[in-house]
């Protein structure tokens, strides 16, 4: 991968930029957003565009694009993996590599809330828009929606999210909303992962937009997931985040997946950068939970 394939990507970007659109047009679309097991297993890789490159003790782990693409290719080849979520630069690399056939593809839409910035809540839409997602033949778009009751930028965040939900629903594309109730602590944004806070974020996010027929939620796994997932009838995908205890994470994912609204997993760093380095093994174990 590191030599021939990267050279092929760069060569296409320099000499034939139209190859990206051609690859998108010829891509074999997924027949279902849910795999043969009836649940989604989506690999997330949109972290670098928000400046969130760290994994474990390495602050630049995801900044090595060659290695990230290698790991993504391994993950996407595993049986039971249904799709990928990323920004345009990464998805276009994967299109040029020809590894997205039969996969559902979700474009990351708002990445302006850079990690650690003073404007982190003001997460404007600097990535995909609904029109481009439709033109590329993708399945939907994802938006991070952090709700900080003490930050005056929050109404704009909600308005922009609602607009994206509308635009995707109008095109019958999935609007994947990832809500958090957040607050500033010691100059940094922290997400409140208490049961009550997650439920509140869900009830707010579920009401965004003039339609909800194509709205799905992307939610953290916290305490009392039965109560959490009972707070909306919208389909929910469970996110992984940066996992410190892999065993505990797999147990909690498996338990939450038993709830009726849970439709699968959207996991990134914990599967792409497992502590033992075995990407295939980590992905296979996650798929087994479905």
Foldseek 3Di string as FASTA:
>chain_A
DLPPLVVLLVCCVVPPVCVLLVLLVPAAEAPDCFDPVQFAAEAELAQVLLVQCDADPRRNPSVPPSLLLVLVLLLLPAPRHAAYEYFPVNVSSCSSVNSCHNHAYEYEFWRPLRFLDLCNQLGDGPTDAQVVCVSSVHAYYEYEQEAEPPDPSNVVSLQRLLVRQASQVVVVHAYEYEYFHWYDDPSGIDGDQDLVRLLVRVLSNCPRYPDCPRYEYEYEQGPPLLVSVVSDLHAYAYEQPRDPDLVVSLVSVLVNCVHPSYRYYHYYCCLSPPPVNPNNVSSVSRSVSD
